[in-house]
Amino acid sequence: MTANDFNDRIRFGSLYEVYGALLTKKQQQCLELYFCEDYSLAEIADEMQVSRQAIHDLLKRVEQALEHYESILGFLRRHEETRRLTQEAAEILRSAETKQDFRRLGRVREILGQLDGIA
């Protein structure tokens, strides 16, 4: 598995965490087996009594659906941006508190304003 494949798999899993409730029970079952139980496509096909190709196609359709939900709703993007800004603010606070750097504390205020706009 390449780094890109690994990142794609992580993104797919993150999208499933956010939008999984919008999927059908069959789609949810397939993704639970794939991500949580680490089943292969063949094992999922046996479990669900369909062909391996059907599982492959189902996963591709679900991935497209999840990306579509994200393009419309943007929950994952906003969550990632919130996490990034929170980490940046925490690091600035740690640094500024020890140095009594009031200019950097102003940056924390800016970040908090951005976070307020995201929420």
PDB file of N, CA and C in Angstrom:
ATOM      1  N   MET A   1       0.855  -1.178   0.000  1.00  0.00           N
ATOM      2  CA  MET A   1       0.000   0.000   0.000  1.00  0.00           C
ATOM      3  C   MET A   1       0.901   1.242   0.000  1.00  0.00           C
ATOM      4  N   THR A   2       0.673   2.131  -0.937  1.00  0.00           N
ATOM      5  CA  THR A   2       1.463   3.361  -1.007  1.00  0.00           C
ATOM      6  C   THR A   2       0.931   4.372   0.010  1.00  0.00           C
ATOM      7  N   ALA A   3       1.716   5.408   0.242  1.00  0.00           N
ATOM      8  CA  ALA A   3       1.296   6.459   1.177  1.00  0.00           C
ATOM      9  C   ALA A   3       0.003   7.102   0.706  1.00  0.00           C
ATOM     10  N   ASN A   4      -0.120   7.279  -0.614  1.00  0.00           N
ATOM     11  CA  ASN A   4      -1.333   7.880  -1.163  1.00  0.00           C
ATOM     12  C   ASN A   4      -2.538   6.973  -0.920  1.00  0.00           C
ATOM     13  N   ASP A   5      -2.374   5.657  -1.136  1.00  0.00           N
ATOM     14  CA  ASP A   5      -3.455   4.712  -0.868  1.00  0.00           C
ATOM     15  C   ASP A   5      -3.850   4.764   0.604  1.00  0.00           C
ATOM     16  N   PHE A   6      -2.848   4.831   1.459  1.00  0.00           N
ATOM     17  CA  PHE A   6      -3.087   4.884   2.896  1.00  0.00           C
ATOM     18  C   PHE A   6      -3.872   6.142   3.256  1.00  0.00           C
ATOM     19  N   ASN A   7      -3.472   7.289   2.713  1.00  0.00           N
ATOM     20  CA  ASN A   7      -4.183   8.546   2.973  1.00  0.00           C
ATOM     21  C   ASN A   7      -5.605   8.501   2.432  1.00  0.00           C
ATOM     22  N   ASP A   8      -5.782   7.893   1.255  1.00  0.00           N
ATOM     23  CA  ASP A   8      -7.125   7.753   0.687  1.00  0.00           C
ATOM     24  C   ASP A   8      -8.005   6.903   1.593  1.00  0.00           C
ATOM     25  N   ARG A   9      -7.434   5.838   2.123  1.00  0.00           N
ATOM     26  CA  ARG A   9      -8.192   4.950   3.008  1.00  0.00           C
ATOM     27  C   ARG A   9      -8.575   5.678   4.303  1.00  0.00           C
ATOM     28  N   ILE A  10      -7.651   6.469   4.824  1.00  0.00           N
ATOM     29  CA  ILE A  10      -7.950   7.244   6.034  1.00  0.00           C
ATOM     30  C   ILE A  10      -9.066   8.249   5.750  1.00  0.00           C
ATOM     31  N   ARG A  11      -8.990   8.925   4.609  1.00  0.00           N
ATOM     32  CA  ARG A  11     -10.031   9.895   4.253  1.00  0.00           C
ATOM     33  C   ARG A  11     -11.383   9.202   4.101  1.00  0.00           C
ATOM     34  N   PHE A  12     -11.389   8.051   3.425  1.00  0.00           N
ATOM     35  CA  PHE A  12     -12.618   7.288   3.228  1.00  0.00           C
ATOM     36  C   PHE A  12     -13.217   6.923   4.591  1.00  0.00           C
ATOM     37  N   GLY A  13     -12.378   6.472   5.505  1.00  0.00           N
ATOM     38  CA  GLY A  13     -12.847   6.136   6.845  1.00  0.00           C
ATOM     39  C   GLY A  13     -13.380   7.346   7.592  1.00  0.00           C
ATOM     40  N   SER A  14     -12.712   8.478   7.438  1.00  0.00           N
ATOM     41  CA  SER A  14     -13.170   9.714   8.088  1.00  0.00           C
ATOM     42  C   SER A  14     -14.510  10.162   7.524  1.00  0.00           C
ATOM     43  N   LEU A  15     -14.650  10.071   6.209  1.00  0.00           N
ATOM     44  CA  LEU A  15     -15.932  10.423   5.590  1.00  0.00           C
ATOM     45  C   LEU A  15     -17.039   9.503   6.095  1.00  0.00           C
ATOM     46  N   TYR A  16     -16.707   8.226   6.253  1.00  0.00           N
ATOM     47  CA  TYR A  16     -17.697   7.272   6.763  1.00  0.00           C
ATOM     48  C   TYR A  16     -18.103   7.632   8.191  1.00  0.00           C
ATOM     49  N   GLU A  17     -17.151   8.019   9.019  1.00  0.00           N
ATOM     50  CA  GLU A  17     -17.474   8.423  10.393  1.00  0.00           C
ATOM     51  C   GLU A  17     -18.452   9.587  10.407  1.00  0.00           C
ATOM     52  N   VAL A  18     -18.243  10.543   9.504  1.00  0.00           N
ATOM     53  CA  VAL A  18     -19.067  11.749   9.484  1.00  0.00           C
ATOM     54  C   VAL A  18     -20.429  11.499   8.834  1.00  0.00           C
ATOM     55  N   TYR A  19     -20.438  10.811   7.709  1.00  0.00           N
ATOM     56  CA  TYR A  19     -21.660  10.683   6.904  1.00  0.00           C
ATOM     57  C   TYR A  19     -22.240   9.273   6.858  1.00  0.00           C
ATOM     58  N   GLY A  20     -21.691   8.346   7.620  1.00  0.00           N
ATOM     59  CA  GLY A  20     -22.130   6.951   7.566  1.00  0.00           C
ATOM     60  C   GLY A  20     -23.614   6.758   7.803  1.00  0.00           C
ATOM     61  N   ALA A  21     -24.201   7.582   8.648  1.00  0.00           N
ATOM     62  CA  ALA A  21     -25.629   7.448   8.954  1.00  0.00           C
ATOM     63  C   ALA A  21     -26.511   7.723   7.735  1.00  0.00           C
ATOM     64  N   LEU A  22     -25.961   8.373   6.720  1.00  0.00           N
ATOM     65  CA  LEU A  22     -26.735   8.672   5.513  1.00  0.00           C
ATOM     66  C   LEU A  22     -26.763   7.494   4.539  1.00  0.00           C
ATOM     67  N   LEU A  23     -25.977   6.466   4.817  1.00  0.00           N
ATOM     68  CA  LEU A  23     -25.890   5.308   3.930  1.00  0.00           C
ATOM     69  C   LEU A  23     -26.950   4.274   4.289  1.00  0.00           C
ATOM     70  N   THR A  24     -27.213   3.368   3.341  1.00  0.00           N
ATOM     71  CA  THR A  24     -28.146   2.275   3.602  1.00  0.00           C
ATOM     72  C   THR A  24     -27.514   1.287   4.576  1.00  0.00           C
ATOM     73  N   LYS A  25     -28.329   0.422   5.152  1.00  0.00           N
ATOM     74  CA  LYS A  25     -27.817  -0.596   6.080  1.00  0.00           C
ATOM     75  C   LYS A  25     -26.811  -1.511   5.382  1.00  0.00           C
ATOM     76  N   LYS A  26     -27.087  -1.875   4.140  1.00  0.00           N
ATOM     77  CA  LYS A  26     -26.174  -2.741   3.387  1.00  0.00           C
ATOM     78  C   LYS A  26     -24.823  -2.047   3.176  1.00  0.00           C
ATOM     79  N   GLN A  27     -24.860  -0.779   2.816  1.00  0.00           N
ATOM     80  CA  GLN A  27     -23.624  -0.019   2.627  1.00  0.00           C
ATOM     81  C   GLN A  27     -22.862   0.098   3.945  1.00  0.00           C
ATOM     82  N   GLN A  28     -23.584   0.362   5.025  1.00  0.00           N
ATOM     83  CA  GLN A  28     -22.952   0.460   6.338  1.00  0.00           C
ATOM     84  C   GLN A  28     -22.311  -0.862   6.739  1.00  0.00           C
ATOM     85  N   GLN A  29     -23.024  -1.967   6.506  1.00  0.00           N
ATOM     86  CA  GLN A  29     -22.492  -3.286   6.847  1.00  0.00           C
ATOM     87  C   GLN A  29     -21.202  -3.558   6.081  1.00  0.00           C
ATOM     88  N   CYS A  30     -21.211  -3.252   4.797  1.00  0.00           N
ATOM     89  CA  CYS A  30     -20.036  -3.469   3.958  1.00  0.00           C
ATOM     90  C   CYS A  30     -18.851  -2.651   4.473  1.00  0.00           C
ATOM     91  N   LEU A  31     -19.081  -1.393   4.789  1.00  0.00           N
ATOM     92  CA  LEU A  31     -17.993  -0.539   5.266  1.00  0.00           C
ATOM     93  C   LEU A  31     -17.516  -0.932   6.662  1.00  0.00           C
ATOM     94  N   GLU A  32     -18.423  -1.392   7.503  1.00  0.00           N
ATOM     95  CA  GLU A  32     -18.014  -1.874   8.826  1.00  0.00           C
ATOM     96  C   GLU A  32     -17.084  -3.075   8.684  1.00  0.00           C
ATOM     97  N   LEU A  33     -17.434  -3.992   7.801  1.00  0.00           N
ATOM     98  CA  LEU A  33     -16.577  -5.159   7.577  1.00  0.00           C
ATOM     99  C   LEU A  33     -15.238  -4.737   6.983  1.00  0.00           C
ATOM    100  N   TYR A  34     -15.278  -3.789   6.077  1.00  0.00           N
ATOM    101  CA  TYR A  34     -14.069  -3.356   5.379  1.00  0.00           C
ATOM    102  C   TYR A  34     -13.122  -2.591   6.303  1.00  0.00           C
ATOM    103  N   PHE A  35     -13.652  -1.625   7.053  1.00  0.00           N
ATOM    104  CA  PHE A  35     -12.803  -0.777   7.886  1.00  0.00           C
ATOM    105  C   PHE A  35     -12.601  -1.320   9.295  1.00  0.00           C
ATOM    106  N   CYS A  36     -13.667  -1.688   9.946  1.00  0.00           N
ATOM    107  CA  CYS A  36     -13.563  -2.084  11.357  1.00  0.00           C
ATOM    108  C   CYS A  36     -13.051  -3.511  11.527  1.00  0.00           C
ATOM    109  N   GLU A  37     -13.542  -4.407  10.694  1.00  0.00           N
ATOM    110  CA  GLU A  37     -13.148  -5.809  10.812  1.00  0.00           C
ATOM    111  C   GLU A  37     -11.973  -6.160   9.909  1.00  0.00           C
ATOM    112  N   ASP A  38     -11.585  -5.232   9.036  1.00  0.00           N
ATOM    113  CA  ASP A  38     -10.452  -5.418   8.120  1.00  0.00           C
ATOM    114  C   ASP A  38     -10.624  -6.643   7.224  1.00  0.00           C
ATOM    115  N   TYR A  39     -11.866  -6.867   6.776  1.00  0.00           N
ATOM    116  CA  TYR A  39     -12.136  -7.971   5.855  1.00  0.00           C
ATOM    117  C   TYR A  39     -11.615  -7.612   4.470  1.00  0.00           C
ATOM    118  N   SER A  40     -11.225  -8.622   3.729  1.00  0.00           N
ATOM    119  CA  SER A  40     -10.873  -8.427   2.322  1.00  0.00           C
ATOM    120  C   SER A  40     -12.166  -8.342   1.516  1.00  0.00           C
ATOM    121  N   LEU A  41     -12.047  -7.936   0.257  1.00  0.00           N
ATOM    122  CA  LEU A  41     -13.237  -7.881  -0.600  1.00  0.00           C
ATOM    123  C   LEU A  41     -13.862  -9.265  -0.735  1.00  0.00           C
ATOM    124  N   ALA A  42     -13.028 -10.291  -0.875  1.00  0.00           N
ATOM    125  CA  ALA A  42     -13.533 -11.663  -1.011  1.00  0.00           C
ATOM    126  C   ALA A  42     -14.272 -12.102   0.256  1.00  0.00           C
ATOM    127  N   GLU A  43     -13.734 -11.747   1.418  1.00  0.00           N
ATOM    128  CA  GLU A  43     -14.388 -12.120   2.678  1.00  0.00           C
ATOM    129  C   GLU A  43     -15.726 -11.401   2.837  1.00  0.00           C
ATOM    130  N   ILE A  44     -15.767 -10.152   2.444  1.00  0.00           N
ATOM    131  CA  ILE A  44     -17.029  -9.401   2.511  1.00  0.00           C
ATOM    132  C   ILE A  44     -18.038 -10.012   1.548  1.00  0.00           C
ATOM    133  N   ALA A  45     -17.573 -10.359   0.354  1.00  0.00           N
ATOM    134  CA  ALA A  45     -18.454 -10.980  -0.641  1.00  0.00           C
ATOM    135  C   ALA A  45     -19.047 -12.272  -0.098  1.00  0.00           C
ATOM    136  N   ASP A  46     -18.232 -13.104   0.549  1.00  0.00           N
ATOM    137  CA  ASP A  46     -18.738 -14.344   1.149  1.00  0.00           C
ATOM    138  C   ASP A  46     -19.765 -14.041   2.229  1.00  0.00           C
ATOM    139  N   GLU A  47     -19.452 -13.095   3.080  1.00  0.00           N
ATOM    140  CA  GLU A  47     -20.336 -12.729   4.189  1.00  0.00           C
ATOM    141  C   GLU A  47     -21.685 -12.208   3.681  1.00  0.00           C
ATOM    142  N   MET A  48     -21.640 -11.396   2.630  1.00  0.00           N
ATOM    143  CA  MET A  48     -22.864 -10.775   2.121  1.00  0.00           C
ATOM    144  C   MET A  48     -23.500 -11.566   0.982  1.00  0.00           C
ATOM    145  N   GLN A  49     -22.876 -12.675   0.609  1.00  0.00           N
ATOM    146  CA  GLN A  49     -23.377 -13.586  -0.424  1.00  0.00           C
ATOM    147  C   GLN A  49     -23.567 -12.895  -1.771  1.00  0.00           C
ATOM    148  N   VAL A  50     -22.530 -12.164  -2.166  1.00  0.00           N
ATOM    149  CA  VAL A  50     -22.493 -11.533  -3.487  1.00  0.00           C
ATOM    150  C   VAL A  50     -21.094 -11.743  -4.058  1.00  0.00           C
ATOM    151  N   SER A  51     -20.874 -11.264  -5.263  1.00  0.00           N
ATOM    152  CA  SER A  51     -19.554 -11.426  -5.882  1.00  0.00           C
ATOM    153  C   SER A  51     -18.566 -10.395  -5.336  1.00  0.00           C
ATOM    154  N   ARG A  52     -17.301 -10.705  -5.495  1.00  0.00           N
ATOM    155  CA  ARG A  52     -16.241  -9.776  -5.101  1.00  0.00           C
ATOM    156  C   ARG A  52     -16.367  -8.482  -5.899  1.00  0.00           C
ATOM    157  N   GLN A  53     -16.715  -8.614  -7.185  1.00  0.00           N
ATOM    158  CA  GLN A  53     -16.885  -7.440  -8.043  1.00  0.00           C
ATOM    159  C   GLN A  53     -18.023  -6.550  -7.538  1.00  0.00           C
ATOM    160  N   ALA A  54     -19.090  -7.171  -7.046  1.00  0.00           N
ATOM    161  CA  ALA A  54     -20.213  -6.398  -6.510  1.00  0.00           C
ATOM    162  C   ALA A  54     -19.770  -5.573  -5.298  1.00  0.00           C
ATOM    163  N   ILE A  55     -18.930  -6.155  -4.460  1.00  0.00           N
ATOM    164  CA  ILE A  55     -18.416  -5.428  -3.291  1.00  0.00           C
ATOM    165  C   ILE A  55     -17.506  -4.291  -3.737  1.00  0.00           C
ATOM    166  N   HIS A  56     -16.641  -4.571  -4.700  1.00  0.00           N
ATOM    167  CA  HIS A  56     -15.751  -3.532  -5.238  1.00  0.00           C
ATOM    168  C   HIS A  56     -16.572  -2.361  -5.778  1.00  0.00           C
ATOM    169  N   ASP A  57     -17.591  -2.675  -6.573  1.00  0.00           N
ATOM    170  CA  ASP A  57     -18.453  -1.636  -7.142  1.00  0.00           C
ATOM    171  C   ASP A  57     -19.200  -0.868  -6.048  1.00  0.00           C
ATOM    172  N   LEU A  58     -19.682  -1.601  -5.045  1.00  0.00           N
ATOM    173  CA  LEU A  58     -20.396  -0.965  -3.940  1.00  0.00           C
ATOM    174  C   LEU A  58     -19.483   0.019  -3.206  1.00  0.00           C
ATOM    175  N   LEU A  59     -18.257  -0.397  -2.933  1.00  0.00           N
ATOM    176  CA  LEU A  59     -17.314   0.490  -2.247  1.00  0.00           C
ATOM    177  C   LEU A  59     -17.024   1.744  -3.072  1.00  0.00           C
ATOM    178  N   LYS A  60     -16.882   1.593  -4.380  1.00  0.00           N
ATOM    179  CA  LYS A  60     -16.633   2.756  -5.249  1.00  0.00           C
ATOM    180  C   LYS A  60     -17.829   3.710  -5.240  1.00  0.00           C
ATOM    181  N   ARG A  61     -19.044   3.151  -5.321  1.00  0.00           N
ATOM    182  CA  ARG A  61     -20.249   3.993  -5.302  1.00  0.00           C
ATOM    183  C   ARG A  61     -20.390   4.720  -3.964  1.00  0.00           C
ATOM    184  N   VAL A  62     -20.113   3.997  -2.885  1.00  0.00           N
ATOM    185  CA  VAL A  62     -20.217   4.599  -1.557  1.00  0.00           C
ATOM    186  C   VAL A  62     -19.179   5.712  -1.400  1.00  0.00           C
ATOM    187  N   GLU A  63     -17.961   5.467  -1.880  1.00  0.00           N
ATOM    188  CA  GLU A  63     -16.924   6.497  -1.802  1.00  0.00           C
ATOM    189  C   GLU A  63     -17.364   7.756  -2.549  1.00  0.00           C
ATOM    190  N   GLN A  64     -17.949   7.574  -3.727  1.00  0.00           N
ATOM    191  CA  GLN A  64     -18.440   8.722  -4.495  1.00  0.00           C
ATOM    192  C   GLN A  64     -19.565   9.441  -3.751  1.00  0.00           C
ATOM    193  N   ALA A  65     -20.459   8.665  -3.141  1.00  0.00           N
ATOM    194  CA  ALA A  65     -21.568   9.267  -2.392  1.00  0.00           C
ATOM    195  C   ALA A  65     -21.044  10.068  -1.201  1.00  0.00           C
ATOM    196  N   LEU A  66     -20.073   9.504  -0.479  1.00  0.00           N
ATOM    197  CA  LEU A  66     -19.514  10.201   0.680  1.00  0.00           C
ATOM    198  C   LEU A  66     -18.799  11.485   0.261  1.00  0.00           C
ATOM    199  N   GLU A  67     -18.055  11.430  -0.837  1.00  0.00           N
ATOM    200  CA  GLU A  67     -17.388  12.640  -1.347  1.00  0.00           C
ATOM    201  C   GLU A  67     -18.427  13.679  -1.776  1.00  0.00           C
ATOM    202  N   HIS A  68     -19.539  13.214  -2.344  1.00  0.00           N
ATOM    203  CA  HIS A  68     -20.617  14.126  -2.742  1.00  0.00           C
ATOM    204  C   HIS A  68     -21.212  14.816  -1.508  1.00  0.00           C
ATOM    205  N   TYR A  69     -21.485  14.037  -0.457  1.00  0.00           N
ATOM    206  CA  TYR A  69     -22.009  14.628   0.776  1.00  0.00           C
ATOM    207  C   TYR A  69     -21.040  15.678   1.320  1.00  0.00           C
ATOM    208  N   GLU A  70     -19.742  15.353   1.302  1.00  0.00           N
ATOM    209  CA  GLU A  70     -18.736  16.286   1.816  1.00  0.00           C
ATOM    210  C   GLU A  70     -18.683  17.547   0.963  1.00  0.00           C
ATOM    211  N   SER A  71     -18.813  17.401  -0.364  1.00  0.00           N
ATOM    212  CA  SER A  71     -18.749  18.582  -1.233  1.00  0.00           C
ATOM    213  C   SER A  71     -19.921  19.525  -0.974  1.00  0.00           C
ATOM    214  N   ILE A  72     -21.040  18.974  -0.567  1.00  0.00           N
ATOM    215  CA  ILE A  72     -22.219  19.794  -0.295  1.00  0.00           C
ATOM    216  C   ILE A  72     -22.201  20.337   1.135  1.00  0.00           C
ATOM    217  N   LEU A  73     -21.922  19.470   2.100  1.00  0.00           N
ATOM    218  CA  LEU A  73     -22.046  19.843   3.508  1.00  0.00           C
ATOM    219  C   LEU A  73     -20.744  20.342   4.134  1.00  0.00           C
ATOM    220  N   GLY A  74     -19.624  19.780   3.749  1.00  0.00           N
ATOM    221  CA  GLY A  74     -18.320  20.239   4.220  1.00  0.00           C
ATOM    222  C   GLY A  74     -18.024  20.036   5.693  1.00  0.00           C
ATOM    223  N   PHE A  75     -18.691  19.080   6.340  1.00  0.00           N
ATOM    224  CA  PHE A  75     -18.456  18.867   7.771  1.00  0.00           C
ATOM    225  C   PHE A  75     -17.023  18.431   8.067  1.00  0.00           C
ATOM    226  N   LEU A  76     -16.486  17.521   7.280  1.00  0.00           N
ATOM    227  CA  LEU A  76     -15.128  17.030   7.524  1.00  0.00           C
ATOM    228  C   LEU A  76     -14.107  18.152   7.334  1.00  0.00           C
ATOM    229  N   ARG A  77     -14.273  18.934   6.280  1.00  0.00           N
ATOM    230  CA  ARG A  77     -13.362  20.056   6.026  1.00  0.00           C
ATOM    231  C   ARG A  77     -13.383  21.037   7.195  1.00  0.00           C
ATOM    232  N   ARG A  78     -14.579  21.381   7.664  1.00  0.00           N
ATOM    233  CA  ARG A  78     -14.688  22.317   8.793  1.00  0.00           C
ATOM    234  C   ARG A  78     -14.086  21.722  10.060  1.00  0.00           C
ATOM    235  N   HIS A  79     -14.285  20.429  10.263  1.00  0.00           N
ATOM    236  CA  HIS A  79     -13.713  19.768  11.438  1.00  0.00           C
ATOM    237  C   HIS A  79     -12.187  19.807  11.388  1.00  0.00           C
ATOM    238  N   GLU A  80     -11.622  19.497  10.221  1.00  0.00           N
ATOM    239  CA  GLU A  80     -10.165  19.507  10.073  1.00  0.00           C
ATOM    240  C   GLU A  80      -9.601  20.915  10.255  1.00  0.00           C
ATOM    241  N   GLU A  81     -10.285  21.918   9.729  1.00  0.00           N
ATOM    242  CA  GLU A  81      -9.836  23.307   9.879  1.00  0.00           C
ATOM    243  C   GLU A  81      -9.924  23.744  11.345  1.00  0.00           C
ATOM    244  N   THR A  82     -10.985  23.346  12.019  1.00  0.00           N
ATOM    245  CA  THR A  82     -11.128  23.663  13.439  1.00  0.00           C
ATOM    246  C   THR A  82     -10.007  23.024  14.246  1.00  0.00           C
ATOM    247  N   ARG A  83      -9.712  21.767  13.954  1.00  0.00           N
ATOM    248  CA  ARG A  83      -8.637  21.070  14.667  1.00  0.00           C
ATOM    249  C   ARG A  83      -7.285  21.746  14.411  1.00  0.00           C
ATOM    250  N   ARG A  84      -7.026  22.124  13.160  1.00  0.00           N
ATOM    251  CA  ARG A  84      -5.763  22.778  12.819  1.00  0.00           C
ATOM    252  C   ARG A  84      -5.620  24.108  13.557  1.00  0.00           C
ATOM    253  N   LEU A  85      -6.676  24.914  13.541  1.00  0.00           N
ATOM    254  CA  LEU A  85      -6.629  26.215  14.212  1.00  0.00           C
ATOM    255  C   LEU A  85      -6.504  26.065  15.728  1.00  0.00           C
ATOM    256  N   THR A  86      -7.170  25.074  16.285  1.00  0.00           N
ATOM    257  CA  THR A  86      -7.076  24.827  17.722  1.00  0.00           C
ATOM    258  C   THR A  86      -5.657  24.443  18.113  1.00  0.00           C
ATOM    259  N   GLN A  87      -5.039  23.577  17.319  1.00  0.00           N
ATOM    260  CA  GLN A  87      -3.652  23.184  17.591  1.00  0.00           C
ATOM    261  C   GLN A  87      -2.712  24.383  17.479  1.00  0.00           C
ATOM    262  N   GLU A  88      -2.929  25.213  16.464  1.00  0.00           N
ATOM    263  CA  GLU A  88      -2.090  26.402  16.296  1.00  0.00           C
ATOM    264  C   GLU A  88      -2.241  27.343  17.489  1.00  0.00           C
ATOM    265  N   ALA A  89      -3.481  27.563  17.919  1.00  0.00           N
ATOM    266  CA  ALA A  89      -3.724  28.455  19.057  1.00  0.00           C
ATOM    267  C   ALA A  89      -3.088  27.905  20.328  1.00  0.00           C
ATOM    268  N   ALA A  90      -3.190  26.609  20.542  1.00  0.00           N
ATOM    269  CA  ALA A  90      -2.605  26.002  21.742  1.00  0.00           C
ATOM    270  C   ALA A  90      -1.086  26.153  21.743  1.00  0.00           C
ATOM    271  N   GLU A  91      -0.462  25.956  20.590  1.00  0.00           N
ATOM    272  CA  GLU A  91       0.990  26.096  20.492  1.00  0.00           C
ATOM    273  C   GLU A  91       1.419  27.544  20.736  1.00  0.00           C
ATOM    274  N   ILE A  92       0.691  28.487  20.167  1.00  0.00           N
ATOM    275  CA  ILE A  92       1.005  29.905  20.383  1.00  0.00           C
ATOM    276  C   ILE A  92       0.858  30.256  21.861  1.00  0.00           C
ATOM    277  N   LEU A  93      -0.204  29.774  22.483  1.00  0.00           N
ATOM    278  CA  LEU A  93      -0.399  30.059  23.910  1.00  0.00           C
ATOM    279  C   LEU A  93       0.752  29.518  24.749  1.00  0.00           C
ATOM    280  N   ARG A  94       1.168  28.284  24.473  1.00  0.00           N
ATOM    281  CA  ARG A  94       2.285  27.704  25.228  1.00  0.00           C
ATOM    282  C   ARG A  94       3.538  28.562  25.078  1.00  0.00           C
ATOM    283  N   SER A  95       3.804  28.955  23.846  1.00  0.00           N
ATOM    284  CA  SER A  95       5.002  29.746  23.567  1.00  0.00           C
ATOM    285  C   SER A  95       4.901  31.155  24.155  1.00  0.00           C
ATOM    286  N   ALA A  96       3.761  31.789  23.969  1.00  0.00           N
ATOM    287  CA  ALA A  96       3.590  33.183  24.394  1.00  0.00           C
ATOM    288  C   ALA A  96       3.545  33.324  25.909  1.00  0.00           C
ATOM    289  N   GLU A  97       2.968  32.340  26.584  1.00  0.00           N
ATOM    290  CA  GLU A  97       2.880  32.423  28.042  1.00  0.00           C
ATOM    291  C   GLU A  97       4.263  32.425  28.678  1.00  0.00           C
ATOM    292  N   THR A  98       5.157  31.630  28.143  1.00  0.00           N
ATOM    293  CA  THR A  98       6.496  31.558  28.739  1.00  0.00           C
ATOM    294  C   THR A  98       7.315  32.802  28.422  1.00  0.00           C
ATOM    295  N   LYS A  99       7.022  33.447  27.297  1.00  0.00           N
ATOM    296  CA  LYS A  99       7.804  34.614  26.882  1.00  0.00           C
ATOM    297  C   LYS A  99       7.082  35.932  27.143  1.00  0.00           C
ATOM    298  N   GLN A 100       5.856  35.862  27.633  1.00  0.00           N
ATOM    299  CA  GLN A 100       5.007  37.036  27.808  1.00  0.00           C
ATOM    300  C   GLN A 100       4.956  37.854  26.513  1.00  0.00           C
ATOM    301  N   ASP A 101       4.687  37.154  25.428  1.00  0.00           N
ATOM    302  CA  ASP A 101       4.657  37.747  24.087  1.00  0.00           C
ATOM    303  C   ASP A 101       3.213  38.138  23.761  1.00  0.00           C
ATOM    304  N   PHE A 102       2.866  39.382  23.994  1.00  0.00           N
ATOM    305  CA  PHE A 102       1.486  39.831  23.831  1.00  0.00           C
ATOM    306  C   PHE A 102       1.072  39.937  22.364  1.00  0.00           C
ATOM    307  N   ARG A 103       2.031  40.143  21.466  1.00  0.00           N
ATOM    308  CA  ARG A 103       1.718  40.177  20.038  1.00  0.00           C
ATOM    309  C   ARG A 103       1.184  38.810  19.591  1.00  0.00           C
ATOM    310  N   ARG A 104       1.816  37.755  20.060  1.00  0.00           N
ATOM    311  CA  ARG A 104       1.378  36.408  19.688  1.00  0.00           C
ATOM    312  C   ARG A 104       0.030  36.076  20.316  1.00  0.00           C
ATOM    313  N   LEU A 105      -0.242  36.629  21.467  1.00  0.00           N
ATOM    314  CA  LEU A 105      -1.552  36.412  22.073  1.00  0.00           C
ATOM    315  C   LEU A 105      -2.644  37.059  21.222  1.00  0.00           C
ATOM    316  N   GLY A 106      -2.304  38.151  20.537  1.00  0.00           N
ATOM    317  CA  GLY A 106      -3.250  38.757  19.597  1.00  0.00           C
ATOM    318  C   GLY A 106      -3.590  37.798  18.471  1.00  0.00           C
ATOM    319  N   ARG A 107      -2.607  37.013  18.028  1.00  0.00           N
ATOM    320  CA  ARG A 107      -2.856  36.005  16.983  1.00  0.00           C
ATOM    321  C   ARG A 107      -3.838  34.949  17.489  1.00  0.00           C
ATOM    322  N   VAL A 108      -3.746  34.599  18.763  1.00  0.00           N
ATOM    323  CA  VAL A 108      -4.695  33.638  19.334  1.00  0.00           C
ATOM    324  C   VAL A 108      -6.105  34.210  19.263  1.00  0.00           C
ATOM    325  N   ARG A 109      -6.248  35.499  19.536  1.00  0.00           N
ATOM    326  CA  ARG A 109      -7.570  36.129  19.419  1.00  0.00           C
ATOM    327  C   ARG A 109      -8.100  36.021  17.989  1.00  0.00           C
ATOM    328  N   GLU A 110      -7.213  36.233  17.001  1.00  0.00           N
ATOM    329  CA  GLU A 110      -7.611  36.102  15.594  1.00  0.00           C
ATOM    330  C   GLU A 110      -8.075  34.682  15.294  1.00  0.00           C
ATOM    331  N   ILE A 111      -7.328  33.707  15.766  1.00  0.00           N
ATOM    332  CA  ILE A 111      -7.685  32.303  15.529  1.00  0.00           C
ATOM    333  C   ILE A 111      -9.029  31.986  16.163  1.00  0.00           C
ATOM    334  N   LEU A 112      -9.239  32.455  17.374  1.00  0.00           N
ATOM    335  CA  LEU A 112     -10.523  32.211  18.034  1.00  0.00           C
ATOM    336  C   LEU A 112     -11.666  32.847  17.248  1.00  0.00           C
ATOM    337  N   GLY A 113     -11.422  34.002  16.655  1.00  0.00           N
ATOM    338  CA  GLY A 113     -12.430  34.619  15.794  1.00  0.00           C
ATOM    339  C   GLY A 113     -12.717  33.771  14.569  1.00  0.00           C
ATOM    340  N   GLN A 114     -11.666  33.196  13.987  1.00  0.00           N
ATOM    341  CA  GLN A 114     -11.851  32.307  12.841  1.00  0.00           C
ATOM    342  C   GLN A 114     -12.640  31.066  13.246  1.00  0.00           C
ATOM    343  N   LEU A 115     -12.314  30.511  14.401  1.00  0.00           N
ATOM    344  CA  LEU A 115     -13.037  29.335  14.882  1.00  0.00           C
ATOM    345  C   LEU A 115     -14.505  29.655  15.095  1.00  0.00           C
ATOM    346  N   ASP A 116     -14.788  30.838  15.596  1.00  0.00           N
ATOM    347  CA  ASP A 116     -16.173  31.250  15.796  1.00  0.00           C
ATOM    348  C   ASP A 116     -16.900  31.313  14.458  1.00  0.00           C
ATOM    349  N   GLY A 117     -16.196  31.740  13.414  1.00  0.00           N
ATOM    350  CA  GLY A 117     -16.790  31.807  12.084  1.00  0.00           C
ATOM    351  C   GLY A 117     -17.018  30.447  11.456  1.00  0.00           C
ATOM    352  N   ILE A 118     -16.219  29.455  11.825  1.00  0.00           N
ATOM    353  CA  ILE A 118     -16.365  28.100  11.281  1.00  0.00           C
ATOM    354  C   ILE A 118     -17.555  27.400  11.903  1.00  0.00           C
ATOM    355  N   ALA A 119     -17.747  27.584  13.195  1.00  0.00           N
ATOM    356  CA  ALA A 119     -18.787  26.864  13.935  1.00  0.00           C
ATOM    357  C   ALA A 119     -20.160  27.268  13.564  1.00  0.00           C
TER     358      ALA A 119
END
